[in-house]
Every structure is written in C-alpha cells, then in structure tokens.
Full PDB file with SEQRES, HELIX, SHEET, SSBOND, CRYST1, ORIGX, SCALE, CONECT and MASTER records, all heavy atoms in Angstrom:
SEQRES   1 A   45  GLY ILE GLY GLY GLN ILE LEU GLU LEU LEU ARG HIS ARG          
SEQRES   2 A   45  GLY LEU LEU GLU ARG PHE GLU ALA ALA CYS PRO GLY PRO          
SEQRES   3 A   45  ALA PRO ALA PRO ARG PHE PRO PHE GLY GLY ILE HIS LEU          
SEQRES   4 A   45  ASP LEU THR ALA LEU ALA                                      
HELIX    1 AA1 ILE A    6  HIS A   12  1                                   7    
HELIX    2 AA2 LEU A   16  ALA A   21  1                                   6    
SHEET    1 AA1 2 ARG A  31  PHE A  34  0                                        
SHEET    2 AA1 2 ILE A  37  ASP A  40 -1                                        
CRYST1    1.000    1.000    1.000  90.00  90.00  90.00 P 1           1          
ORIGX1      1.000000  0.000000  0.000000        0.00000                         
ORIGX2      0.000000  1.000000  0.000000        0.00000                         
ORIGX3      0.000000  0.000000  1.000000        0.00000                         
SCALE1      1.000000  0.000000  0.000000        0.00000                         
SCALE2      0.000000  1.000000  0.000000        0.00000                         
SCALE3      0.000000  0.000000  1.000000        0.00000                         
ATOM      1  N   GLY A   1     278.433  15.705 342.921  1.00  0.00           N  
ATOM      2  CA  GLY A   1     277.630  15.307 341.769  1.00  0.00           C  
ATOM      3  C   GLY A   1     278.168  15.934 340.504  1.00  0.00           C  
ATOM      4  O   GLY A   1     279.129  16.701 340.513  1.00  0.00           O  
ATOM      5  N   ILE A   2     277.523  15.597 339.404  1.00  0.00           N  
ATOM      6  CA  ILE A   2     277.886  16.125 338.099  1.00  0.00           C  
ATOM      7  C   ILE A   2     276.609  16.599 337.414  1.00  0.00           C  
ATOM      8  O   ILE A   2     275.582  15.909 337.475  1.00  0.00           O  
ATOM      9  CB  ILE A   2     278.614  15.056 337.245  1.00  0.00           C  
ATOM     10  CG1 ILE A   2     278.899  15.577 335.833  1.00  0.00           C  
ATOM     11  CG2 ILE A   2     277.834  13.755 337.204  1.00  0.00           C  
ATOM     12  CD1 ILE A   2     279.702  14.608 334.986  1.00  0.00           C  
ATOM     13  N   GLY A   3     276.649  17.773 336.823  1.00  0.00           N  
ATOM     14  CA  GLY A   3     275.443  18.302 336.203  1.00  0.00           C  
ATOM     15  C   GLY A   3     275.769  19.240 335.066  1.00  0.00           C  
ATOM     16  O   GLY A   3     276.916  19.611 334.847  1.00  0.00           O  
ATOM     17  N   GLY A   4     274.735  19.627 334.351  1.00  0.00           N  
ATOM     18  CA  GLY A   4     274.907  20.547 333.243  1.00  0.00           C  
ATOM     19  C   GLY A   4     274.963  19.847 331.902  1.00  0.00           C  
ATOM     20  O   GLY A   4     274.604  18.671 331.749  1.00  0.00           O  
ATOM     21  N   GLN A   5     275.464  20.568 330.919  1.00  0.00           N  
ATOM     22  CA  GLN A   5     275.412  20.104 329.534  1.00  0.00           C  
ATOM     23  C   GLN A   5     276.273  18.878 329.284  1.00  0.00           C  
ATOM     24  O   GLN A   5     276.054  18.146 328.330  1.00  0.00           O  
ATOM     25  CB  GLN A   5     275.845  21.247 328.600  1.00  0.00           C  
ATOM     26  CG  GLN A   5     275.372  21.108 327.168  1.00  0.00           C  
ATOM     27  CD  GLN A   5     273.866  21.207 327.032  1.00  0.00           C  
ATOM     28  OE1 GLN A   5     273.160  21.512 327.988  1.00  0.00           O  
ATOM     29  NE2 GLN A   5     273.365  20.924 325.839  1.00  0.00           N  
ATOM     30  N   ILE A   6     277.244  18.596 330.144  1.00  0.00           N  
ATOM     31  CA  ILE A   6     278.076  17.418 329.947  1.00  0.00           C  
ATOM     32  C   ILE A   6     277.236  16.147 329.998  1.00  0.00           C  
ATOM     33  O   ILE A   6     277.575  15.139 329.366  1.00  0.00           O  
ATOM     34  CB  ILE A   6     279.215  17.363 330.995  1.00  0.00           C  
ATOM     35  CG1 ILE A   6     280.222  16.274 330.642  1.00  0.00           C  
ATOM     36  CG2 ILE A   6     278.667  17.188 332.391  1.00  0.00           C  
ATOM     37  CD1 ILE A   6     280.918  16.441 329.318  1.00  0.00           C  
ATOM     38  N   LEU A   7     276.118  16.166 330.702  1.00  0.00           N  
ATOM     39  CA  LEU A   7     275.254  14.988 330.740  1.00  0.00           C  
ATOM     40  C   LEU A   7     274.659  14.707 329.366  1.00  0.00           C  
ATOM     41  O   LEU A   7     274.533  13.544 328.954  1.00  0.00           O  
ATOM     42  CB  LEU A   7     274.141  15.162 331.769  1.00  0.00           C  
ATOM     43  CG  LEU A   7     274.581  15.310 333.225  1.00  0.00           C  
ATOM     44  CD1 LEU A   7     273.354  15.401 334.137  1.00  0.00           C  
ATOM     45  CD2 LEU A   7     275.476  14.161 333.656  1.00  0.00           C  
ATOM     46  N   GLU A   8     274.303  15.751 328.627  1.00  0.00           N  
ATOM     47  CA  GLU A   8     273.782  15.548 327.270  1.00  0.00           C  
ATOM     48  C   GLU A   8     274.886  15.051 326.341  1.00  0.00           C  
ATOM     49  O   GLU A   8     274.632  14.249 325.438  1.00  0.00           O  
ATOM     50  CB  GLU A   8     273.175  16.847 326.739  1.00  0.00           C  
ATOM     51  CG  GLU A   8     271.938  17.293 327.496  1.00  0.00           C  
ATOM     52  CD  GLU A   8     270.886  16.196 327.570  1.00  0.00           C  
ATOM     53  OE1 GLU A   8     270.535  15.621 326.514  1.00  0.00           O  
ATOM     54  OE2 GLU A   8     270.428  15.898 328.690  1.00  0.00           O  
ATOM     55  N   LEU A   9     276.103  15.512 326.552  1.00  0.00           N  
ATOM     56  CA  LEU A   9     277.220  15.004 325.751  1.00  0.00           C  
ATOM     57  C   LEU A   9     277.431  13.521 326.025  1.00  0.00           C  
ATOM     58  O   LEU A   9     277.644  12.725 325.099  1.00  0.00           O  
ATOM     59  CB  LEU A   9     278.480  15.812 326.061  1.00  0.00           C  
ATOM     60  CG  LEU A   9     279.731  15.609 325.198  1.00  0.00           C  
ATOM     61  CD1 LEU A   9     280.486  14.352 325.557  1.00  0.00           C  
ATOM     62  CD2 LEU A   9     279.394  15.633 323.710  1.00  0.00           C  
ATOM     63  N   LEU A  10     277.368  13.122 327.293  1.00  0.00           N  
ATOM     64  CA  LEU A  10     277.504  11.704 327.635  1.00  0.00           C  
ATOM     65  C   LEU A  10     276.377  10.888 327.016  1.00  0.00           C  
ATOM     66  O   LEU A  10     276.579   9.729 326.617  1.00  0.00           O  
ATOM     67  CB  LEU A  10     277.526  11.521 329.147  1.00  0.00           C  
ATOM     68  CG  LEU A  10     278.755  12.086 329.871  1.00  0.00           C  
ATOM     69  CD1 LEU A  10     278.575  11.986 331.383  1.00  0.00           C  
ATOM     70  CD2 LEU A  10     280.032  11.366 329.441  1.00  0.00           C  
ATOM     71  N   ARG A  11     275.191  11.469 326.904  1.00  0.00           N  
ATOM     72  CA  ARG A  11     274.095  10.781 326.228  1.00  0.00           C  
ATOM     73  C   ARG A  11     274.441  10.544 324.755  1.00  0.00           C  
ATOM     74  O   ARG A  11     274.223   9.457 324.211  1.00  0.00           O  
ATOM     75  CB  ARG A  11     272.810  11.605 326.348  1.00  0.00           C  
ATOM     76  CG  ARG A  11     271.560  10.873 325.845  1.00  0.00           C  
ATOM     77  CD  ARG A  11     270.365  11.827 325.761  1.00  0.00           C  
ATOM     78  NE  ARG A  11     270.136  12.562 326.988  1.00  0.00           N  
ATOM     79  CZ  ARG A  11     269.478  12.068 328.038  1.00  0.00           C  
ATOM     80  NH1 ARG A  11     269.011  10.843 327.999  1.00  0.00           N  
ATOM     81  NH2 ARG A  11     269.307  12.814 329.114  1.00  0.00           N  
ATOM     82  N   HIS A  12     274.996  11.553 324.095  1.00  0.00           N  
ATOM     83  CA  HIS A  12     275.397  11.398 322.692  1.00  0.00           C  
ATOM     84  C   HIS A  12     276.506  10.353 322.542  1.00  0.00           C  
ATOM     85  O   HIS A  12     276.601   9.699 321.503  1.00  0.00           O  
ATOM     86  CB  HIS A  12     275.869  12.738 322.128  1.00  0.00           C  
ATOM     87  CG  HIS A  12     274.759  13.688 321.791  1.00  0.00           C  
ATOM     88  ND1 HIS A  12     273.643  13.322 321.075  1.00  0.00           N  
ATOM     89  CD2 HIS A  12     274.595  15.011 322.078  1.00  0.00           C  
ATOM     90  CE1 HIS A  12     272.841  14.367 320.924  1.00  0.00           C  
ATOM     91  NE2 HIS A  12     273.403  15.405 321.523  1.00  0.00           N  
ATOM     92  N   ARG A  13     277.351  10.203 323.559  1.00  0.00           N  
ATOM     93  CA  ARG A  13     278.410   9.196 323.501  1.00  0.00           C  
ATOM     94  C   ARG A  13     277.899   7.796 323.860  1.00  0.00           C  
ATOM     95  O   ARG A  13     278.635   6.822 323.784  1.00  0.00           O  
ATOM     96  CB  ARG A  13     279.537   9.563 324.468  1.00  0.00           C  
ATOM     97  CG  ARG A  13     280.364  10.761 324.080  1.00  0.00           C  
ATOM     98  CD  ARG A  13     281.297  10.469 322.900  1.00  0.00           C  
ATOM     99  NE  ARG A  13     282.160  11.618 322.664  1.00  0.00           N  
ATOM    100  CZ  ARG A  13     281.882  12.610 321.824  1.00  0.00           C  
ATOM    101  NH1 ARG A  13     280.747  12.587 321.112  1.00  0.00           N  
ATOM    102  NH2 ARG A  13     282.718  13.629 321.670  1.00  0.00           N  
ATOM    103  N   GLY A  14     276.654   7.699 324.295  1.00  0.00           N  
ATOM    104  CA  GLY A  14     276.127   6.410 324.716  1.00  0.00           C  
ATOM    105  C   GLY A  14     276.608   5.971 326.078  1.00  0.00           C  
ATOM    106  O   GLY A  14     276.567   4.782 326.410  1.00  0.00           O  
ATOM    107  N   LEU A  15     277.039   6.919 326.926  1.00  0.00           N  
ATOM    108  CA  LEU A  15     277.625   6.599 328.227  1.00  0.00           C  
ATOM    109  C   LEU A  15     276.742   7.004 329.402  1.00  0.00           C  
ATOM    110  O   LEU A  15     277.051   6.660 330.545  1.00  0.00           O  
ATOM    111  CB  LEU A  15     278.982   7.304 328.375  1.00  0.00           C  
ATOM    112  CG  LEU A  15     280.082   6.875 327.415  1.00  0.00           C  
ATOM    113  CD1 LEU A  15     281.289   7.804 327.552  1.00  0.00           C  
ATOM    114  CD2 LEU A  15     280.483   5.428 327.659  1.00  0.00           C  
ATOM    115  N   LEU A  16     275.663   7.721 329.150  1.00  0.00           N  
ATOM    116  CA  LEU A  16     274.912   8.283 330.261  1.00  0.00           C  
ATOM    117  C   LEU A  16     274.335   7.194 331.164  1.00  0.00           C  
ATOM    118  O   LEU A  16     274.376   7.315 332.396  1.00  0.00           O  
ATOM    119  CB  LEU A  16     273.798   9.193 329.745  1.00  0.00           C  
ATOM    120  CG  LEU A  16     273.013   9.943 330.826  1.00  0.00           C  
ATOM    121  CD1 LEU A  16     273.933  10.808 331.676  1.00  0.00           C  
ATOM    122  CD2 LEU A  16     271.917  10.807 330.207  1.00  0.00           C  
ATOM    123  N   GLU A  17     273.813   6.137 330.586  1.00  0.00           N  
ATOM    124  CA  GLU A  17     273.235   5.071 331.424  1.00  0.00           C  
ATOM    125  C   GLU A  17     274.294   4.456 332.332  1.00  0.00           C  
ATOM    126  O   GLU A  17     274.004   4.092 333.477  1.00  0.00           O  
ATOM    127  CB  GLU A  17     272.597   4.000 330.545  1.00  0.00           C  
ATOM    128  CG  GLU A  17     271.307   4.454 329.858  1.00  0.00           C  
ATOM    129  CD  GLU A  17     270.628   3.320 329.123  1.00  0.00           C  
ATOM    130  OE1 GLU A  17     271.144   2.178 329.162  1.00  0.00           O  
ATOM    131  OE2 GLU A  17     269.581   3.574 328.505  1.00  0.00           O  
ATOM    132  N   ARG A  18     275.510   4.325 331.831  1.00  0.00           N  
ATOM    133  CA  ARG A  18     276.601   3.782 332.643  1.00  0.00           C  
ATOM    134  C   ARG A  18     276.871   4.679 333.844  1.00  0.00           C  
ATOM    135  O   ARG A  18     277.082   4.196 334.967  1.00  0.00           O  
ATOM    136  CB  ARG A  18     277.837   3.627 331.781  1.00  0.00           C  
ATOM    137  CG  ARG A  18     279.080   3.109 332.489  1.00  0.00           C  
ATOM    138  CD  ARG A  18     280.169   2.862 331.466  1.00  0.00           C  
ATOM    139  NE  ARG A  18     281.419   2.436 332.083  1.00  0.00           N  
ATOM    140  CZ  ARG A  18     282.498   2.071 331.387  1.00  0.00           C  
ATOM    141  NH1 ARG A  18     282.458   2.050 330.068  1.00  0.00           N  
ATOM    142  NH2 ARG A  18     283.610   1.714 332.007  1.00  0.00           N  
ATOM    143  N   PHE A  19     276.852   5.971 333.641  1.00  0.00           N  
ATOM    144  CA  PHE A  19     277.106   6.909 334.734  1.00  0.00           C  
ATOM    145  C   PHE A  19     275.915   6.946 335.698  1.00  0.00           C  
ATOM    146  O   PHE A  19     276.095   7.042 336.911  1.00  0.00           O  
ATOM    147  CB  PHE A  19     277.400   8.301 334.176  1.00  0.00           C  
ATOM    148  CG  PHE A  19     278.798   8.445 333.646  1.00  0.00           C  
ATOM    149  CD1 PHE A  19     279.223   7.721 332.543  1.00  0.00           C  
ATOM    150  CD2 PHE A  19     279.692   9.302 334.244  1.00  0.00           C  
ATOM    151  CE1 PHE A  19     280.514   7.840 332.058  1.00  0.00           C  
ATOM    152  CE2 PHE A  19     280.984   9.439 333.767  1.00  0.00           C  
ATOM    153  CZ  PHE A  19     281.400   8.699 332.665  1.00  0.00           C  
ATOM    154  N   GLU A  20     274.708   6.871 335.156  1.00  0.00           N  
ATOM    155  CA  GLU A  20     273.533   6.846 336.022  1.00  0.00           C  
ATOM    156  C   GLU A  20     273.538   5.611 336.918  1.00  0.00           C  
ATOM    157  O   GLU A  20     273.188   5.681 338.101  1.00  0.00           O  
ATOM    158  CB  GLU A  20     272.263   6.871 335.165  1.00  0.00           C  
ATOM    159  CG  GLU A  20     272.004   8.205 334.479  1.00  0.00           C  
ATOM    160  CD  GLU A  20     270.838   8.147 333.516  1.00  0.00           C  
ATOM    161  OE1 GLU A  20     270.535   7.052 332.988  1.00  0.00           O  
ATOM    162  OE2 GLU A  20     270.228   9.205 333.269  1.00  0.00           O  
ATOM    163  N   ALA A  21     273.924   4.463 336.346  1.00  0.00           N  
ATOM    164  CA  ALA A  21     273.927   3.216 337.115  1.00  0.00           C  
ATOM    165  C   ALA A  21     274.935   3.245 338.251  1.00  0.00           C  
ATOM    166  O   ALA A  21     274.795   2.508 339.231  1.00  0.00           O  
ATOM    167  CB  ALA A  21     274.217   2.041 336.188  1.00  0.00           C  
ATOM    168  N   ALA A  22     275.967   4.088 338.142  1.00  0.00           N  
ATOM    169  CA  ALA A  22     277.006   4.162 339.177  1.00  0.00           C  
ATOM    170  C   ALA A  22     276.632   5.082 340.326  1.00  0.00           C  
ATOM    171  O   ALA A  22     277.350   5.138 341.327  1.00  0.00           O  
ATOM    172  CB  ALA A  22     278.320   4.634 338.549  1.00  0.00           C  
ATOM    173  N   CYS A  23     275.519   5.811 340.206  1.00  0.00           N  
ATOM    174  CA  CYS A  23     275.118   6.731 341.275  1.00  0.00           C  
ATOM    175  C   CYS A  23     274.660   5.948 342.498  1.00  0.00           C  
ATOM    176  O   CYS A  23     273.965   4.932 342.366  1.00  0.00           O  
ATOM    177  CB  CYS A  23     273.996   7.647 340.790  1.00  0.00           C  
ATOM    178  SG  CYS A  23     274.491   8.801 339.502  1.00  0.00           S  
ATOM    179  N   PRO A  24     275.005   6.401 343.685  1.00  0.00           N  
ATOM    180  CA  PRO A  24     274.614   5.676 344.898  1.00  0.00           C  
ATOM    181  C   PRO A  24     273.131   5.786 345.220  1.00  0.00           C  
ATOM    182  O   PRO A  24     272.626   5.084 346.087  1.00  0.00           O  
ATOM    183  CB  PRO A  24     275.461   6.334 345.987  1.00  0.00           C  
ATOM    184  CG  PRO A  24     275.764   7.693 345.459  1.00  0.00           C  
ATOM    185  CD  PRO A  24     275.869   7.550 343.978  1.00  0.00           C  
ATOM    186  N   GLY A  25     272.422   6.672 344.548  1.00  0.00           N  
ATOM    187  CA  GLY A  25     270.996   6.841 344.801  1.00  0.00           C  
ATOM    188  C   GLY A  25     270.327   7.475 343.602  1.00  0.00           C  
ATOM    189  O   GLY A  25     270.980   7.812 342.609  1.00  0.00           O  
ATOM    190  N   PRO A  26     269.019   7.663 343.656  1.00  0.00           N  
ATOM    191  CA  PRO A  26     268.302   8.277 342.531  1.00  0.00           C  
ATOM    192  C   PRO A  26     268.662   9.747 342.371  1.00  0.00           C  
ATOM    193  O   PRO A  26     269.117  10.395 343.315  1.00  0.00           O  
ATOM    194  CB  PRO A  26     266.828   8.107 342.921  1.00  0.00           C  
ATOM    195  CG  PRO A  26     266.839   8.015 344.416  1.00  0.00           C  
ATOM    196  CD  PRO A  26     268.114   7.318 344.767  1.00  0.00           C  
ATOM    197  N   ALA A  27     268.455  10.251 341.171  1.00  0.00           N  
ATOM    198  CA  ALA A  27     268.723  11.664 340.922  1.00  0.00           C  
ATOM    199  C   ALA A  27     267.807  12.520 341.778  1.00  0.00           C  
ATOM    200  O   ALA A  27     266.612  12.232 341.912  1.00  0.00           O  
ATOM    201  CB  ALA A  27     268.519  11.985 339.441  1.00  0.00           C  
ATOM    202  N   PRO A  28     268.345  13.560 342.392  1.00  0.00           N  
ATOM    203  CA  PRO A  28     267.508  14.415 343.247  1.00  0.00           C  
ATOM    204  C   PRO A  28     266.549  15.249 342.410  1.00  0.00           C  
ATOM    205  O   PRO A  28     266.692  15.376 341.194  1.00  0.00           O  
ATOM    206  CB  PRO A  28     268.544  15.292 343.950  1.00  0.00           C  
ATOM    207  CG  PRO A  28     269.685  15.377 342.986  1.00  0.00           C  
ATOM    208  CD  PRO A  28     269.728  14.035 342.304  1.00  0.00           C  
ATOM    209  N   ALA A  29     265.580  15.830 343.067  1.00  0.00           N  
ATOM    210  CA  ALA A  29     264.694  16.774 342.388  1.00  0.00           C  
ATOM    211  C   ALA A  29     265.529  17.925 341.844  1.00  0.00           C  
ATOM    212  O   ALA A  29     266.510  18.338 342.465  1.00  0.00           O  
ATOM    213  CB  ALA A  29     263.641  17.290 343.363  1.00  0.00           C  
ATOM    214  N   PRO A  30     265.163  18.438 340.672  1.00  0.00           N  
ATOM    215  CA  PRO A  30     265.966  19.518 340.072  1.00  0.00           C  
ATOM    216  C   PRO A  30     265.781  20.841 340.796  1.00  0.00           C  
ATOM    217  O   PRO A  30     265.038  21.717 340.371  1.00  0.00           O  
ATOM    218  CB  PRO A  30     265.436  19.569 338.630  1.00  0.00           C  
ATOM    219  CG  PRO A  30     264.045  19.050 338.714  1.00  0.00           C  
ATOM    220  CD  PRO A  30     264.042  18.032 339.814  1.00  0.00           C  
ATOM    221  N   ARG A  31     266.472  20.974 341.905  1.00  0.00           N  
ATOM    222  CA  ARG A  31     266.450  22.200 342.715  1.00  0.00           C  
ATOM    223  C   ARG A  31     267.886  22.521 343.092  1.00  0.00           C  
ATOM    224  O   ARG A  31     268.540  21.738 343.768  1.00  0.00           O  
ATOM    225  CB  ARG A  31     265.584  22.001 343.952  1.00  0.00           C  
ATOM    226  CG  ARG A  31     265.274  23.279 344.728  1.00  0.00           C  
ATOM    227  CD  ARG A  31     264.183  23.024 345.763  1.00  0.00           C  
ATOM    228  NE  ARG A  31     263.794  24.255 346.442  1.00  0.00           N  
ATOM    229  CZ  ARG A  31     264.322  24.672 347.590  1.00  0.00           C  
ATOM    230  NH1 ARG A  31     265.262  23.930 348.191  1.00  0.00           N  
ATOM    231  NH2 ARG A  31     263.924  25.791 348.141  1.00  0.00           N  
ATOM    232  N   PHE A  32     268.399  23.655 342.618  1.00  0.00           N  
ATOM    233  CA  PHE A  32     269.825  23.931 342.687  1.00  0.00           C  
ATOM    234  C   PHE A  32     270.089  25.244 343.419  1.00  0.00           C  
ATOM    235  O   PHE A  32     269.368  26.227 343.220  1.00  0.00           O  
ATOM    236  CB  PHE A  32     270.415  24.009 341.271  1.00  0.00           C  
ATOM    237  CG  PHE A  32     270.185  22.771 340.451  1.00  0.00           C  
ATOM    238  CD1 PHE A  32     269.088  22.676 339.614  1.00  0.00           C  
ATOM    239  CD2 PHE A  32     271.054  21.691 340.543  1.00  0.00           C  
ATOM    240  CE1 PHE A  32     268.869  21.528 338.863  1.00  0.00           C  
ATOM    241  CE2 PHE A  32     270.838  20.542 339.800  1.00  0.00           C  
ATOM    242  CZ  PHE A  32     269.741  20.457 338.964  1.00  0.00           C  
ATOM    243  N   PRO A  33     271.152  25.281 344.261  1.00  0.00           N  
ATOM    244  CA  PRO A  33     271.510  26.537 344.923  1.00  0.00           C  
ATOM    245  C   PRO A  33     272.027  27.557 343.915  1.00  0.00           C  
ATOM    246  O   PRO A  33     272.686  27.214 342.939  1.00  0.00           O  
ATOM    247  CB  PRO A  33     272.615  26.108 345.899  1.00  0.00           C  
ATOM    248  CG  PRO A  33     273.183  24.851 345.316  1.00  0.00           C  
ATOM    249  CD  PRO A  33     272.044  24.171 344.628  1.00  0.00           C  
ATOM    250  N   PHE A  34     271.695  28.803 344.168  1.00  0.00           N  
ATOM    251  CA  PHE A  34     272.126  29.890 343.284  1.00  0.00           C  
ATOM    252  C   PHE A  34     272.291  31.146 344.124  1.00  0.00           C  
ATOM    253  O   PHE A  34     271.339  31.883 344.375  1.00  0.00           O  
ATOM    254  CB  PHE A  34     271.088  30.118 342.171  1.00  0.00           C  
ATOM    255  CG  PHE A  34     271.526  31.108 341.122  1.00  0.00           C  
ATOM    256  CD1 PHE A  34     272.321  30.716 340.054  1.00  0.00           C  
ATOM    257  CD2 PHE A  34     271.152  32.440 341.215  1.00  0.00           C  
ATOM    258  CE1 PHE A  34     272.723  31.628 339.087  1.00  0.00           C  
ATOM    259  CE2 PHE A  34     271.556  33.364 340.260  1.00  0.00           C  
ATOM    260  CZ  PHE A  34     272.347  32.953 339.195  1.00  0.00           C  
ATOM    261  N   GLY A  35     273.526  31.363 344.602  1.00  0.00           N  
ATOM    262  CA  GLY A  35     273.833  32.601 345.306  1.00  0.00           C  
ATOM    263  C   GLY A  35     273.015  32.843 346.553  1.00  0.00           C  
ATOM    264  O   GLY A  35     272.593  33.972 346.811  1.00  0.00           O  
ATOM    265  N   GLY A  36     272.753  31.796 347.332  1.00  0.00           N  
ATOM    266  CA  GLY A  36     271.989  31.964 348.553  1.00  0.00           C  
ATOM    267  C   GLY A  36     270.493  31.813 348.374  1.00  0.00           C  
ATOM    268  O   GLY A  36     269.734  31.865 349.349  1.00  0.00           O  
ATOM    269  N   ILE A  37     270.036  31.638 347.121  1.00  0.00           N  
ATOM    270  CA  ILE A  37     268.633  31.312 346.847  1.00  0.00           C  
ATOM    271  C   ILE A  37     268.624  30.007 346.053  1.00  0.00           C  
ATOM    272  O   ILE A  37     269.601  29.269 346.075  1.00  0.00           O  
ATOM    273  CB  ILE A  37     267.929  32.466 346.095  1.00  0.00           C  
ATOM    274  CG1 ILE A  37     268.660  32.786 344.785  1.00  0.00           C  
ATOM    275  CG2 ILE A  37     267.874  33.716 346.963  1.00  0.00           C  
ATOM    276  CD1 ILE A  37     267.974  33.857 343.965  1.00  0.00           C  
ATOM    277  N   HIS A  38     267.529  29.697 345.372  1.00  0.00           N  
ATOM    278  CA  HIS A  38     267.456  28.429 344.665  1.00  0.00           C  
ATOM    279  C   HIS A  38     266.828  28.594 343.282  1.00  0.00           C  
ATOM    280  O   HIS A  38     265.970  29.455 343.067  1.00  0.00           O  
ATOM    281  CB  HIS A  38     266.623  27.409 345.454  1.00  0.00           C  
ATOM    282  CG  HIS A  38     267.378  26.783 346.588  1.00  0.00           C  
ATOM    283  ND1 HIS A  38     267.407  27.344 347.849  1.00  0.00           N  
ATOM    284  CD2 HIS A  38     268.139  25.661 346.637  1.00  0.00           C  
ATOM    285  CE1 HIS A  38     268.153  26.581 348.636  1.00  0.00           C  
ATOM    286  NE2 HIS A  38     268.607  25.561 347.932  1.00  0.00           N  
ATOM    287  N   LEU A  39     267.295  27.748 342.361  1.00  0.00           N  
ATOM    288  CA  LEU A  39     266.612  27.543 341.091  1.00  0.00           C  
ATOM    289  C   LEU A  39     265.757  26.291 341.264  1.00  0.00           C  
ATOM    290  O   LEU A  39     266.270  25.178 341.292  1.00  0.00           O  
ATOM    291  CB  LEU A  39     267.616  27.333 339.949  1.00  0.00           C  
ATOM    292  CG  LEU A  39     268.601  28.458 339.665  1.00  0.00           C  
ATOM    293  CD1 LEU A  39     269.568  28.038 338.564  1.00  0.00           C  
ATOM    294  CD2 LEU A  39     267.875  29.727 339.266  1.00  0.00           C  
ATOM    295  N   ASP A  40     264.465  26.477 341.397  1.00  0.00           N  
ATOM    296  CA  ASP A  40     263.556  25.350 341.618  1.00  0.00           C  
ATOM    297  C   ASP A  40     262.907  24.998 340.279  1.00  0.00           C  
ATOM    298  O   ASP A  40     262.003  25.684 339.806  1.00  0.00           O  
ATOM    299  CB  ASP A  40     262.496  25.728 342.646  1.00  0.00           C  
ATOM    300  CG  ASP A  40     261.673  24.517 343.089  1.00  0.00           C  
ATOM    301  OD1 ASP A  40     261.719  23.481 342.385  1.00  0.00           O  
ATOM    302  OD2 ASP A  40     260.994  24.609 344.119  1.00  0.00           O  
ATOM    303  N   LEU A  41     263.383  23.902 339.673  1.00  0.00           N  
ATOM    304  CA  LEU A  41     262.919  23.484 338.346  1.00  0.00           C  
ATOM    305  C   LEU A  41     261.933  22.331 338.428  1.00  0.00           C  
ATOM    306  O   LEU A  41     261.620  21.707 337.410  1.00  0.00           O  
ATOM    307  CB  LEU A  41     264.114  23.070 337.486  1.00  0.00           C  
ATOM    308  CG  LEU A  41     265.309  24.028 337.448  1.00  0.00           C  
ATOM    309  CD1 LEU A  41     266.415  23.467 336.573  1.00  0.00           C  
ATOM    310  CD2 LEU A  41     264.884  25.390 336.952  1.00  0.00           C  
ATOM    311  N   THR A  42     261.435  22.037 339.619  1.00  0.00           N  
ATOM    312  CA  THR A  42     260.607  20.848 339.794  1.00  0.00           C  
ATOM    313  C   THR A  42     259.306  20.916 339.010  1.00  0.00           C  
ATOM    314  O   THR A  42     258.724  19.879 338.680  1.00  0.00           O  
ATOM    315  CB  THR A  42     260.297  20.624 341.281  1.00  0.00           C  
ATOM    316  OG1 THR A  42     259.750  21.834 341.827  1.00  0.00           O  
ATOM    317  CG2 THR A  42     261.562  20.273 342.057  1.00  0.00           C  
ATOM    318  N   ALA A  43     258.824  22.111 338.692  1.00  0.00           N  
ATOM    319  CA  ALA A  43     257.561  22.232 337.960  1.00  0.00           C  
ATOM    320  C   ALA A  43     257.746  22.120 336.447  1.00  0.00           C  
ATOM    321  O   ALA A  43     256.748  22.080 335.715  1.00  0.00           O  
ATOM    322  CB  ALA A  43     256.889  23.565 338.302  1.00  0.00           C  
ATOM    323  N   LEU A  44     258.989  22.050 335.974  1.00  0.00           N  
ATOM    324  CA  LEU A  44     259.245  21.990 334.528  1.00  0.00           C  
ATOM    325  C   LEU A  44     259.345  20.539 334.079  1.00  0.00           C  
ATOM    326  O   LEU A  44     260.078  19.734 334.657  1.00  0.00           O  
ATOM    327  CB  LEU A  44     260.544  22.718 334.178  1.00  0.00           C  
ATOM    328  CG  LEU A  44     260.627  24.199 334.576  1.00  0.00           C  
ATOM    329  CD1 LEU A  44     261.964  24.780 334.124  1.00  0.00           C  
ATOM    330  CD2 LEU A  44     259.466  24.994 333.983  1.00  0.00           C  
ATOM    331  N   ALA A  45     258.618  20.205 333.019  1.00  0.00           N  
ATOM    332  CA  ALA A  45     258.672  18.840 332.489  1.00  0.00           C  
ATOM    333  C   ALA A  45     260.011  18.551 331.826  1.00  0.00           C  
ATOM    334  O   ALA A  45     260.457  17.402 331.776  1.00  0.00           O  
ATOM    335  CB  ALA A  45     257.532  18.628 331.487  1.00  0.00           C  
TER     336      ALA A  45                                                      
MASTER        0    0    0    2    2    0    0    6  335    1    0    4          
END                                                                             
C-alpha cells in the first residue's frame, strides 16, 4: 500500500481519486503497525 503525506500531495495534484479507483478494495481502517504494537486511529474523525 501507499500512505502518509504523499496522499495529500496527490490530492493537491488532482490525482488522488485516480489512485483510489485503482485500489483492489476499500481503504482499511486506520490501524497501523508500530514496532510490535499498533497506532489505532479508528476513533479519530
């Protein structure tokens, strides 16, 4: 996958929807591995 601030840059370029449409499935819940634990961002709007 691809994540981080580059997605906001692609939004500014008008390309984000094109990249989203190419994904084989929906974006997962925002829960990311971090050194054997997790950053669980699911409660953040």
